[in-house]
Amino acid sequence: KKIDSVMQTSSCITVGNSYLMERAKQNNNSVQWIPTVIDIDRYTPRR
């Protein structure tokens, strides 16, 4: 139950997907979805 305890005392939890969000919401009302993302300036469409 360690991670549940960590979640319970945090001001907010950010998660990368809905599976993680489900677990976070069981422990805290303040949960925000932040997907894992790329820097658009580094990635350009292929030729």
All heavy atoms as atom14 arrays in JSON, in Angstrom:
{
  "sequence": "KKIDSVMQTSSCITVGNSYLMERAKQNNNSVQWIPTVIDIDRYTPRR",
  "atom14_mask": [
    [1, 1, 1, 1, 1, 1, 1, 1, 1, 0, 0, 0, 0, 0],
    [1, 1, 1, 1, 1, 1, 1, 1, 1, 0, 0, 0, 0, 0],
    [1, 1, 1, 1, 1, 1, 1, 1, 0, 0, 0, 0, 0, 0],
    [1, 1, 1, 1, 1, 1, 1, 1, 0, 0, 0, 0, 0, 0],
    [1, 1, 1, 1, 1, 1, 0, 0, 0, 0, 0, 0, 0, 0],
    [1, 1, 1, 1, 1, 1, 1, 0, 0, 0, 0, 0, 0, 0],
    [1, 1, 1, 1, 1, 1, 1, 1, 0, 0, 0, 0, 0, 0],
    [1, 1, 1, 1, 1, 1, 1, 1, 1, 0, 0, 0, 0, 0],
    [1, 1, 1, 1, 1, 1, 1, 0, 0, 0, 0, 0, 0, 0],
    [1, 1, 1, 1, 1, 1, 0, 0, 0, 0, 0, 0, 0, 0],
    [1, 1, 1, 1, 1, 1, 0, 0, 0, 0, 0, 0, 0, 0],
    [1, 1, 1, 1, 1, 1, 0, 0, 0, 0, 0, 0, 0, 0],
    [1, 1, 1, 1, 1, 1, 1, 1, 0, 0, 0, 0, 0, 0],
    [1, 1, 1, 1, 1, 1, 1, 0, 0, 0, 0, 0, 0, 0],
    [1, 1, 1, 1, 1, 1, 1, 0, 0, 0, 0, 0, 0, 0],
    [1, 1, 1, 1, 0, 0, 0, 0, 0, 0, 0, 0, 0, 0],
    [1, 1, 1, 1, 1, 1, 1, 1, 0, 0, 0, 0, 0, 0],
    [1, 1, 1, 1, 1, 1, 0, 0, 0, 0, 0, 0, 0, 0],
    [1, 1, 1, 1, 1, 1, 1, 1, 1, 1, 1, 1, 0, 0],
    [1, 1, 1, 1, 1, 1, 1, 1, 0, 0, 0, 0, 0, 0],
    [1, 1, 1, 1, 1, 1, 1, 1, 0, 0, 0, 0, 0, 0],
    [1, 1, 1, 1, 1, 1, 1, 1, 1, 0, 0, 0, 0, 0],
    [1, 1, 1, 1, 1, 1, 1, 1, 1, 1, 1, 0, 0, 0],
    [1, 1, 1, 1, 1, 0, 0, 0, 0, 0, 0, 0, 0, 0],
    [1, 1, 1, 1, 1, 1, 1, 1, 1, 0, 0, 0, 0, 0],
    [1, 1, 1, 1, 1, 1, 1, 1, 1, 0, 0, 0, 0, 0],
    [1, 1, 1, 1, 1, 1, 1, 1, 0, 0, 0, 0, 0, 0],
    [1, 1, 1, 1, 1, 1, 1, 1, 0, 0, 0, 0, 0, 0],
    [1, 1, 1, 1, 1, 1, 1, 1, 0, 0, 0, 0, 0, 0],
    [1, 1, 1, 1, 1, 1, 0, 0, 0, 0, 0, 0, 0, 0],
    [1, 1, 1, 1, 1, 1, 1, 0, 0, 0, 0, 0, 0, 0],
    [1, 1, 1, 1, 1, 1, 1, 1, 1, 0, 0, 0, 0, 0],
    [1, 1, 1, 1, 1, 1, 1, 1, 1, 1, 1, 1, 1, 1],
    [1, 1, 1, 1, 1, 1, 1, 1, 0, 0, 0, 0, 0, 0],
    [1, 1, 1, 1, 1, 1, 1, 0, 0, 0, 0, 0, 0, 0],
    [1, 1, 1, 1, 1, 1, 1, 0, 0, 0, 0, 0, 0, 0],
    [1, 1, 1, 1, 1, 1, 1, 0, 0, 0, 0, 0, 0, 0],
    [1, 1, 1, 1, 1, 1, 1, 1, 0, 0, 0, 0, 0, 0],
    [1, 1, 1, 1, 1, 1, 1, 1, 0, 0, 0, 0, 0, 0],
    [1, 1, 1, 1, 1, 1, 1, 1, 0, 0, 0, 0, 0, 0],
    [1, 1, 1, 1, 1, 1, 1, 1, 0, 0, 0, 0, 0, 0],
    [1, 1, 1, 1, 1, 1, 1, 1, 1, 1, 1, 0, 0, 0],
    [1, 1, 1, 1, 1, 1, 1, 1, 1, 1, 1, 1, 0, 0],
    [1, 1, 1, 1, 1, 1, 1, 0, 0, 0, 0, 0, 0, 0],
    [1, 1, 1, 1, 1, 1, 1, 0, 0, 0, 0, 0, 0, 0],
    [1, 1, 1, 1, 1, 1, 1, 1, 1, 1, 1, 0, 0, 0],
    [1, 1, 1, 1, 1, 1, 1, 1, 1, 1, 1, 0, 0, 0]
  ],
  "atom14_positions": [
    [[0.83, -1.22, 0.0], [0.0, 0.0, 0.0], [0.86, 1.27, 0.0], [0.36, 2.38, 0.19], [-0.92, 0.01, 1.23], [-2.0, -1.05, 1.19], [-3.24, -0.51, 0.48], [-4.38, -1.5, 0.43], [-4.29, -2.43, -0.7], [0.0, 0.0, 0.0], [0.0, 0.0, 0.0], [0.0, 0.0, 0.0], [0.0, 0.0, 0.0], [0.0, 0.0, 0.0]],
    [[2.17, 1.1, -0.22], [3.06, 2.27, -0.13], [2.66, 3.39, -1.08], [2.53, 4.55, -0.69], [4.51, 1.87, -0.44], [5.41, 3.11, -0.44], [6.74, 2.97, -1.09], [7.39, 4.36, -1.14], [8.82, 4.28, -1.42], [0.0, 0.0, 0.0], [0.0, 0.0, 0.0], [0.0, 0.0, 0.0], [0.0, 0.0, 0.0], [0.0, 0.0, 0.0]],
    [[2.46, 3.05, -2.37], [2.18, 4.1, -3.36], [0.83, 4.76, -3.09], [0.66, 5.96, -3.29], [2.29, 3.54, -4.81], [3.72, 3.04, -5.08], [1.9, 4.6, -5.84], [4.84, 4.07, -4.94], [0.0, 0.0, 0.0], [0.0, 0.0, 0.0], [0.0, 0.0, 0.0], [0.0, 0.0, 0.0], [0.0, 0.0, 0.0], [0.0, 0.0, 0.0]],
    [[-0.12, 3.99, -2.54], [-1.4, 4.58, -2.15], [-1.17, 5.66, -1.07], [-1.77, 6.74, -1.13], [-2.35, 3.5, -1.64], [-2.63, 2.44, -2.71], [-3.31, 2.77, -3.69], [-2.13, 1.31, -2.59], [0.0, 0.0, 0.0], [0.0, 0.0, 0.0], [0.0, 0.0, 0.0], [0.0, 0.0, 0.0], [0.0, 0.0, 0.0], [0.0, 0.0, 0.0]],
    [[-0.29, 5.37, -0.11], [0.02, 6.36, 0.94], [0.67, 7.61, 0.35], [0.35, 8.74, 0.73], [1.0, 5.78, 1.97], [0.47, 4.62, 2.52], [0.0, 0.0, 0.0], [0.0, 0.0, 0.0], [0.0, 0.0, 0.0], [0.0, 0.0, 0.0], [0.0, 0.0, 0.0], [0.0, 0.0, 0.0], [0.0, 0.0, 0.0], [0.0, 0.0, 0.0]],
    [[1.61, 7.38, -0.59], [2.3, 8.51, -1.24], [1.26, 9.39, -1.96], [1.31, 10.62, -1.9], [3.36, 7.99, -2.24], [3.92, 9.13, -3.08], [4.49, 7.28, -1.51], [0.0, 0.0, 0.0], [0.0, 0.0, 0.0], [0.0, 0.0, 0.0], [0.0, 0.0, 0.0], [0.0, 0.0, 0.0], [0.0, 0.0, 0.0], [0.0, 0.0, 0.0]],
    [[0.32, 8.74, -2.64], [-0.72, 9.47, -3.37], [-1.62, 10.27, -2.42], [-2.0, 11.4, -2.71], [-1.58, 8.49, -4.18], [-0.87, 7.88, -5.39], [-1.94, 6.63, -6.18], [-1.07, 6.34, -7.73], [0.0, 0.0, 0.0], [0.0, 0.0, 0.0], [0.0, 0.0, 0.0], [0.0, 0.0, 0.0], [0.0, 0.0, 0.0], [0.0, 0.0, 0.0]],
    [[-1.95, 9.66, -1.28], [-2.92, 10.28, -0.37], [-2.44, 11.61, 0.19], [-3.24, 12.52, 0.41], [-3.25, 9.31, 0.79], [-4.22, 8.22, 0.38], [-4.11, 6.97, 1.23], [-3.5, 6.98, 2.32], [-4.68, 5.87, 0.76], [0.0, 0.0, 0.0], [0.0, 0.0, 0.0], [0.0, 0.0, 0.0], [0.0, 0.0, 0.0], [0.0, 0.0, 0.0]],
    [[-1.13, 11.74, 0.42], [-0.64, 12.98, 1.04], [-0.12, 14.0, 0.01], [0.43, 15.03, 0.39], [0.45, 12.68, 2.09], [1.45, 11.85, 1.51], [-0.11, 11.99, 3.31], [0.0, 0.0, 0.0], [0.0, 0.0, 0.0], [0.0, 0.0, 0.0], [0.0, 0.0, 0.0], [0.0, 0.0, 0.0], [0.0, 0.0, 0.0], [0.0, 0.0, 0.0]],
    [[-0.29, 13.72, -1.28], [0.21, 14.68, -2.28], [-0.84, 15.77, -2.58], [-2.04, 15.54, -2.43], [0.57, 13.95, -3.58], [-0.59, 13.44, -4.18], [0.0, 0.0, 0.0], [0.0, 0.0, 0.0], [0.0, 0.0, 0.0], [0.0, 0.0, 0.0], [0.0, 0.0, 0.0], [0.0, 0.0, 0.0], [0.0, 0.0, 0.0], [0.0, 0.0, 0.0]],
    [[-0.36, 16.93, -3.0], [-1.27, 18.03, -3.36], [-1.99, 17.74, -4.66], [-3.08, 18.21, -4.91], [-0.49, 19.34, -3.51], [0.15, 19.66, -2.3], [0.0, 0.0, 0.0], [0.0, 0.0, 0.0], [0.0, 0.0, 0.0], [0.0, 0.0, 0.0], [0.0, 0.0, 0.0], [0.0, 0.0, 0.0], [0.0, 0.0, 0.0], [0.0, 0.0, 0.0]],
    [[-1.31, 16.99, -5.54], [-1.92, 16.6, -6.81], [-1.13, 15.43, -7.38], [0.06, 15.3, -7.11], [-1.89, 17.78, -7.8], [-2.64, 17.37, -9.39], [0.0, 0.0, 0.0], [0.0, 0.0, 0.0], [0.0, 0.0, 0.0], [0.0, 0.0, 0.0], [0.0, 0.0, 0.0], [0.0, 0.0, 0.0], [0.0, 0.0, 0.0], [0.0, 0.0, 0.0]],
    [[-1.81, 14.58, -8.16], [-1.13, 13.47, -8.83], [-1.28, 13.68, -10.33], [-2.38, 13.95, -10.81], [-1.79, 12.11, -8.46], [-1.82, 11.93, -6.94], [-1.05, 10.95, -9.12], [-2.78, 10.83, -6.47], [0.0, 0.0, 0.0], [0.0, 0.0, 0.0], [0.0, 0.0, 0.0], [0.0, 0.0, 0.0], [0.0, 0.0, 0.0], [0.0, 0.0, 0.0]],
    [[-0.16, 13.6, -11.06], [-0.26, 13.64, -12.52], [0.01, 12.23, -13.04], [0.91, 11.54, -12.55], [0.75, 14.64, -13.14], [2.06, 14.36, -12.64], [0.37, 16.07, -12.79], [0.0, 0.0, 0.0], [0.0, 0.0, 0.0], [0.0, 0.0, 0.0], [0.0, 0.0, 0.0], [0.0, 0.0, 0.0], [0.0, 0.0, 0.0], [0.0, 0.0, 0.0]],
    [[-0.79, 11.8, -14.02], [-0.68, 10.43, -14.54], [-0.69, 10.44, -16.06], [-1.26, 11.33, -16.68], [-1.84, 9.54, -14.03], [-1.78, 9.34, -12.53], [-3.2, 10.11, -14.44], [0.0, 0.0, 0.0], [0.0, 0.0, 0.0], [0.0, 0.0, 0.0], [0.0, 0.0, 0.0], [0.0, 0.0, 0.0], [0.0, 0.0, 0.0], [0.0, 0.0, 0.0]],
    [[-0.08, 9.4, -16.64], [0.04, 9.34, -18.09], [-1.06, 8.57, -18.79], [-1.13, 8.58, -20.02], [0.0, 0.0, 0.0], [0.0, 0.0, 0.0], [0.0, 0.0, 0.0], [0.0, 0.0, 0.0], [0.0, 0.0, 0.0], [0.0, 0.0, 0.0], [0.0, 0.0, 0.0], [0.0, 0.0, 0.0], [0.0, 0.0, 0.0], [0.0, 0.0, 0.0]],
    [[-1.93, 7.87, -18.05], [-3.01, 7.14, -18.72], [-4.14, 6.81, -17.76], [-4.05, 7.07, -16.56], [-2.48, 5.86, -19.38], [-1.98, 4.85, -18.37], [-2.62, 4.58, -17.36], [-0.81, 4.28, -18.63], [0.0, 0.0, 0.0], [0.0, 0.0, 0.0], [0.0, 0.0, 0.0], [0.0, 0.0, 0.0], [0.0, 0.0, 0.0], [0.0, 0.0, 0.0]],
    [[-5.23, 6.22, -18.3], [-6.45, 6.01, -17.5], [-6.3, 4.89, -16.47], [-6.94, 4.91, -15.43], [-7.63, 5.73, -18.43], [-7.32, 4.69, -19.32], [0.0, 0.0, 0.0], [0.0, 0.0, 0.0], [0.0, 0.0, 0.0], [0.0, 0.0, 0.0], [0.0, 0.0, 0.0], [0.0, 0.0, 0.0], [0.0, 0.0, 0.0], [0.0, 0.0, 0.0]],
    [[-5.43, 3.9, -16.73], [-5.19, 2.83, -15.75], [-4.57, 3.41, -14.48], [-4.96, 3.09, -13.36], [-4.27, 1.77, -16.37], [-3.98, 0.57, -15.5], [-4.97, -0.37, -15.22], [-2.7, 0.35, -14.96], [-4.71, -1.49, -14.43], [-2.43, -0.77, -14.18], [-3.44, -1.69, -13.92], [-3.16, -2.8, -13.14], [0.0, 0.0, 0.0], [0.0, 0.0, 0.0]],
    [[-3.59, 4.31, -14.67], [-2.93, 4.95, -13.53], [-3.9, 5.93, -12.86], [-3.89, 6.09, -11.63], [-1.67, 5.69, -14.0], [-0.64, 4.82, -14.74], [0.48, 5.68, -15.33], [-0.04, 3.76, -13.82], [0.0, 0.0, 0.0], [0.0, 0.0, 0.0], [0.0, 0.0, 0.0], [0.0, 0.0, 0.0], [0.0, 0.0, 0.0], [0.0, 0.0, 0.0]],
    [[-4.74, 6.58, -13.67], [-5.7, 7.54, -13.13], [-6.69, 6.86, -12.19], [-7.04, 7.4, -11.14], [-6.43, 8.26, -14.26], [-7.39, 9.31, -13.73], [-8.07, 10.34, -15.02], [-6.81, 11.57, -15.21], [0.0, 0.0, 0.0], [0.0, 0.0, 0.0], [0.0, 0.0, 0.0], [0.0, 0.0, 0.0], [0.0, 0.0, 0.0], [0.0, 0.0, 0.0]],
    [[-7.11, 5.67, -12.57], [-8.06, 4.91, -11.75], [-7.49, 4.67, -10.35], [-8.17, 4.89, -9.35], [-8.28, 3.55, -12.44], [-9.66, 3.0, -12.35], [-9.76, 1.75, -13.22], [-9.82, 1.87, -14.46], [-9.72, 0.65, -12.63], [0.0, 0.0, 0.0], [0.0, 0.0, 0.0], [0.0, 0.0, 0.0], [0.0, 0.0, 0.0], [0.0, 0.0, 0.0]],
    [[-6.23, 4.25, -10.31], [-5.58, 3.98, -9.02], [-5.42, 5.29, -8.22], [-5.66, 5.34, -7.02], [-4.22, 3.33, -9.26], [-3.43, 2.98, -8.0], [-3.99, 1.74, -7.29], [-3.07, 1.26, -6.27], [-2.6, 0.02, -6.22], [-2.98, -0.88, -7.1], [-1.76, -0.35, -5.26], [0.0, 0.0, 0.0], [0.0, 0.0, 0.0], [0.0, 0.0, 0.0]],
    [[-5.02, 6.35, -8.93], [-4.8, 7.65, -8.27], [-6.1, 8.18, -7.66], [-6.12, 8.68, -6.53], [-4.22, 8.64, -9.26], [0.0, 0.0, 0.0], [0.0, 0.0, 0.0], [0.0, 0.0, 0.0], [0.0, 0.0, 0.0], [0.0, 0.0, 0.0], [0.0, 0.0, 0.0], [0.0, 0.0, 0.0], [0.0, 0.0, 0.0], [0.0, 0.0, 0.0]],
    [[-7.2, 8.05, -8.4], [-8.48, 8.61, -7.93], [-9.03, 7.88, -6.71], [-9.86, 8.42, -5.99], [-9.51, 8.61, -9.07], [-9.26, 9.76, -10.04], [-10.41, 9.95, -11.0], [-10.33, 11.34, -11.65], [-11.2, 11.44, -12.81], [0.0, 0.0, 0.0], [0.0, 0.0, 0.0], [0.0, 0.0, 0.0], [0.0, 0.0, 0.0], [0.0, 0.0, 0.0]],
    [[-8.57, 6.65, -6.51], [-8.99, 5.93, -5.29], [-8.34, 6.55, -4.05], [-8.77, 6.31, -2.93], [-8.58, 4.45, -5.38], [-9.36, 3.65, -6.4], [-8.7, 2.3, -6.71], [-7.84, 1.83, -5.96], [-9.09, 1.69, -7.8], [0.0, 0.0, 0.0], [0.0, 0.0, 0.0], [0.0, 0.0, 0.0], [0.0, 0.0, 0.0], [0.0, 0.0, 0.0]],
    [[-7.27, 7.34, -4.28], [-6.49, 7.87, -3.15], [-6.49, 9.38, -3.02], [-6.05, 9.9, -2.0], [-5.04, 7.39, -3.29], [-4.9, 5.89, -3.14], [-5.13, 5.36, -2.07], [-4.58, 5.2, -4.23], [0.0, 0.0, 0.0], [0.0, 0.0, 0.0], [0.0, 0.0, 0.0], [0.0, 0.0, 0.0], [0.0, 0.0, 0.0], [0.0, 0.0, 0.0]],
    [[-6.96, 10.08, -4.04], [-6.83, 11.54, -4.02], [-7.84, 12.14, -4.99], [-8.08, 11.59, -6.07], [-5.4, 11.9, -4.46], [-4.99, 13.3, -4.05], [-5.7, 14.27, -4.3], [-3.83, 13.42, -3.42], [0.0, 0.0, 0.0], [0.0, 0.0, 0.0], [0.0, 0.0, 0.0], [0.0, 0.0, 0.0], [0.0, 0.0, 0.0], [0.0, 0.0, 0.0]],
    [[-8.43, 13.27, -4.61], [-9.42, 13.92, -5.51], [-8.76, 14.78, -6.58], [-9.39, 15.14, -7.56], [-10.37, 14.8, -4.7], [-11.23, 13.97, -3.78], [-11.59, 12.84, -4.13], [-11.54, 14.48, -2.6], [0.0, 0.0, 0.0], [0.0, 0.0, 0.0], [0.0, 0.0, 0.0], [0.0, 0.0, 0.0], [0.0, 0.0, 0.0], [0.0, 0.0, 0.0]],
    [[-7.48, 15.13, -6.35], [-6.81, 16.02, -7.29], [-5.88, 15.21, -8.2], [-4.74, 14.88, -7.84], [-6.0, 17.07, -6.52], [-5.37, 17.95, -7.41], [0.0, 0.0, 0.0], [0.0, 0.0, 0.0], [0.0, 0.0, 0.0], [0.0, 0.0, 0.0], [0.0, 0.0, 0.0], [0.0, 0.0, 0.0], [0.0, 0.0, 0.0], [0.0, 0.0, 0.0]],
    [[-6.4, 14.83, -9.38], [-5.63, 14.01, -10.33], [-5.71, 14.68, -11.7], [-6.78, 15.1, -12.12], [-6.18, 12.57, -10.42], [-5.3, 11.72, -11.34], [-6.27, 11.92, -9.05], [0.0, 0.0, 0.0], [0.0, 0.0, 0.0], [0.0, 0.0, 0.0], [0.0, 0.0, 0.0], [0.0, 0.0, 0.0], [0.0, 0.0, 0.0], [0.0, 0.0, 0.0]],
    [[-4.58, 14.77, -12.37], [-4.53, 15.46, -13.67], [-3.86, 14.55, -14.7], [-2.82, 13.95, -14.43], [-3.71, 16.74, -13.47], [-3.52, 17.62, -14.65], [-4.71, 18.53, -14.93], [-5.52, 18.19, -15.76], [-4.8, 19.67, -14.28], [0.0, 0.0, 0.0], [0.0, 0.0, 0.0], [0.0, 0.0, 0.0], [0.0, 0.0, 0.0], [0.0, 0.0, 0.0]],
    [[-4.49, 14.42, -15.87], [-3.9, 13.62, -16.96], [-2.87, 14.45, -17.72], [-3.18, 15.52, -18.24], [-4.99, 13.15, -17.92], [-4.45, 12.46, -19.15], [-3.73, 11.3, -19.19], [-4.6, 12.88, -20.52], [-3.41, 10.98, -20.5], [-3.93, 11.93, -21.33], [-5.22, 13.96, -21.14], [-3.88, 12.03, -22.73], [-5.17, 14.07, -22.53], [-4.5, 13.1, -23.31]],
    [[-1.62, 13.99, -17.73], [-0.56, 14.61, -18.54], [0.05, 13.49, -19.37], [0.8, 12.66, -18.84], [0.54, 15.26, -17.66], [-0.04, 16.31, -16.7], [1.66, 15.85, -18.53], [-0.17, 17.72, -17.2], [0.0, 0.0, 0.0], [0.0, 0.0, 0.0], [0.0, 0.0, 0.0], [0.0, 0.0, 0.0], [0.0, 0.0, 0.0], [0.0, 0.0, 0.0]],
    [[-0.27, 13.39, -20.66], [0.29, 12.29, -21.45], [1.81, 12.43, -21.57], [2.35, 13.51, -21.35], [-0.38, 12.45, -22.82], [-0.79, 13.89, -22.88], [-1.07, 14.32, -21.48], [0.0, 0.0, 0.0], [0.0, 0.0, 0.0], [0.0, 0.0, 0.0], [0.0, 0.0, 0.0], [0.0, 0.0, 0.0], [0.0, 0.0, 0.0], [0.0, 0.0, 0.0]],
    [[2.48, 11.33, -21.9], [3.92, 11.41, -22.19], [4.03, 11.97, -23.6], [3.39, 11.47, -24.53], [4.56, 10.02, -22.09], [4.36, 9.54, -20.75], [6.05, 10.09, -22.37], [0.0, 0.0, 0.0], [0.0, 0.0, 0.0], [0.0, 0.0, 0.0], [0.0, 0.0, 0.0], [0.0, 0.0, 0.0], [0.0, 0.0, 0.0], [0.0, 0.0, 0.0]],
    [[4.82, 13.03, -23.75], [4.77, 13.82, -24.99], [6.15, 14.02, -25.61], [7.16, 13.7, -25.01], [4.14, 15.21, -24.72], [2.67, 15.06, -24.32], [4.9, 15.96, -23.63], [0.0, 0.0, 0.0], [0.0, 0.0, 0.0], [0.0, 0.0, 0.0], [0.0, 0.0, 0.0], [0.0, 0.0, 0.0], [0.0, 0.0, 0.0], [0.0, 0.0, 0.0]],
    [[6.14, 14.59, -26.81], [7.4, 14.88, -27.5], [7.51, 16.39, -27.73], [6.52, 17.12, -27.67], [7.5, 14.12, -28.85], [6.32, 14.46, -29.76], [7.54, 12.63, -28.65], [6.57, 15.49, -30.75], [0.0, 0.0, 0.0], [0.0, 0.0, 0.0], [0.0, 0.0, 0.0], [0.0, 0.0, 0.0], [0.0, 0.0, 0.0], [0.0, 0.0, 0.0]],
    [[8.72, 16.83, -28.02], [8.98, 18.23, -28.37], [8.79, 18.36, -29.88], [9.56, 17.82, -30.67], [10.43, 18.57, -27.96], [10.82, 20.0, -28.33], [10.07, 20.66, -29.08], [11.9, 20.44, -27.88], [0.0, 0.0, 0.0], [0.0, 0.0, 0.0], [0.0, 0.0, 0.0], [0.0, 0.0, 0.0], [0.0, 0.0, 0.0], [0.0, 0.0, 0.0]],
    [[7.76, 19.09, -30.26], [7.37, 19.18, -31.67], [8.47, 19.8, -32.54], [8.54, 19.56, -33.74], [6.04, 19.98, -31.79], [5.25, 19.53, -33.01], [6.24, 21.47, -31.79], [4.43, 18.32, -32.8], [0.0, 0.0, 0.0], [0.0, 0.0, 0.0], [0.0, 0.0, 0.0], [0.0, 0.0, 0.0], [0.0, 0.0, 0.0], [0.0, 0.0, 0.0]],
    [[9.36, 20.58, -31.92], [10.44, 21.2, -32.71], [11.55, 20.19, -33.06], [12.31, 20.41, -33.99], [11.05, 22.38, -31.93], [10.03, 23.49, -31.72], [9.1, 23.6, -32.55], [10.14, 24.23, -30.72], [0.0, 0.0, 0.0], [0.0, 0.0, 0.0], [0.0, 0.0, 0.0], [0.0, 0.0, 0.0], [0.0, 0.0, 0.0], [0.0, 0.0, 0.0]],
    [[11.65, 19.12, -32.29], [12.67, 18.09, -32.57], [12.19, 17.09, -33.61], [12.98, 16.49, -34.32], [12.99, 17.3, -31.29], [14.02, 17.95, -30.38], [14.39, 16.98, -29.25], [15.13, 15.83, -29.76], [14.96, 14.58, -29.35], [14.06, 14.29, -28.44], [15.69, 13.59, -29.85], [0.0, 0.0, 0.0], [0.0, 0.0, 0.0], [0.0, 0.0, 0.0]],
    [[10.9, 16.86, -33.63], [10.33, 15.82, -34.51], [9.7, 16.46, -35.73], [8.77, 17.24, -35.61], [9.25, 15.03, -33.76], [9.8, 14.07, -32.73], [10.28, 14.54, -31.51], [9.85, 12.7, -32.97], [10.79, 13.66, -30.56], [10.36, 11.82, -32.03], [10.83, 12.31, -30.82], [11.33, 11.44, -29.89], [0.0, 0.0, 0.0], [0.0, 0.0, 0.0]],
    [[10.23, 16.11, -36.9], [9.63, 16.65, -38.12], [9.18, 15.48, -38.98], [9.75, 14.39, -38.91], [10.65, 17.5, -38.91], [11.86, 16.75, -39.02], [10.93, 18.82, -38.21], [0.0, 0.0, 0.0], [0.0, 0.0, 0.0], [0.0, 0.0, 0.0], [0.0, 0.0, 0.0], [0.0, 0.0, 0.0], [0.0, 0.0, 0.0], [0.0, 0.0, 0.0]],
    [[8.14, 15.68, -39.8], [7.64, 14.58, -40.63], [8.73, 14.03, -41.55], [9.62, 14.76, -42.0], [6.53, 15.23, -41.44], [6.07, 16.37, -40.59], [7.3, 16.88, -39.9], [0.0, 0.0, 0.0], [0.0, 0.0, 0.0], [0.0, 0.0, 0.0], [0.0, 0.0, 0.0], [0.0, 0.0, 0.0], [0.0, 0.0, 0.0], [0.0, 0.0, 0.0]],
    [[8.66, 12.74, -41.81], [9.68, 12.08, -42.64], [9.54, 12.55, -44.09], [8.47, 12.98, -44.53], [9.52, 10.57, -42.58], [8.31, 10.09, -43.33], [7.89, 8.7, -42.97], [6.6, 8.45, -43.62], [6.42, 7.62, -44.62], [7.43, 6.91, -45.09], [5.24, 7.46, -45.16], [0.0, 0.0, 0.0], [0.0, 0.0, 0.0], [0.0, 0.0, 0.0]],
    [[10.63, 12.41, -44.81], [10.61, 12.76, -46.23], [10.0, 11.61, -47.03], [9.97, 10.47, -46.57], [12.03, 13.05, -46.72], [12.54, 14.4, -46.21], [14.04, 14.53, -46.29], [14.74, 13.7, -45.3], [14.73, 13.95, -44.0], [14.07, 14.98, -43.52], [15.4, 13.16, -43.16], [0.0, 0.0, 0.0], [0.0, 0.0, 0.0], [0.0, 0.0, 0.0]]
  ]
}
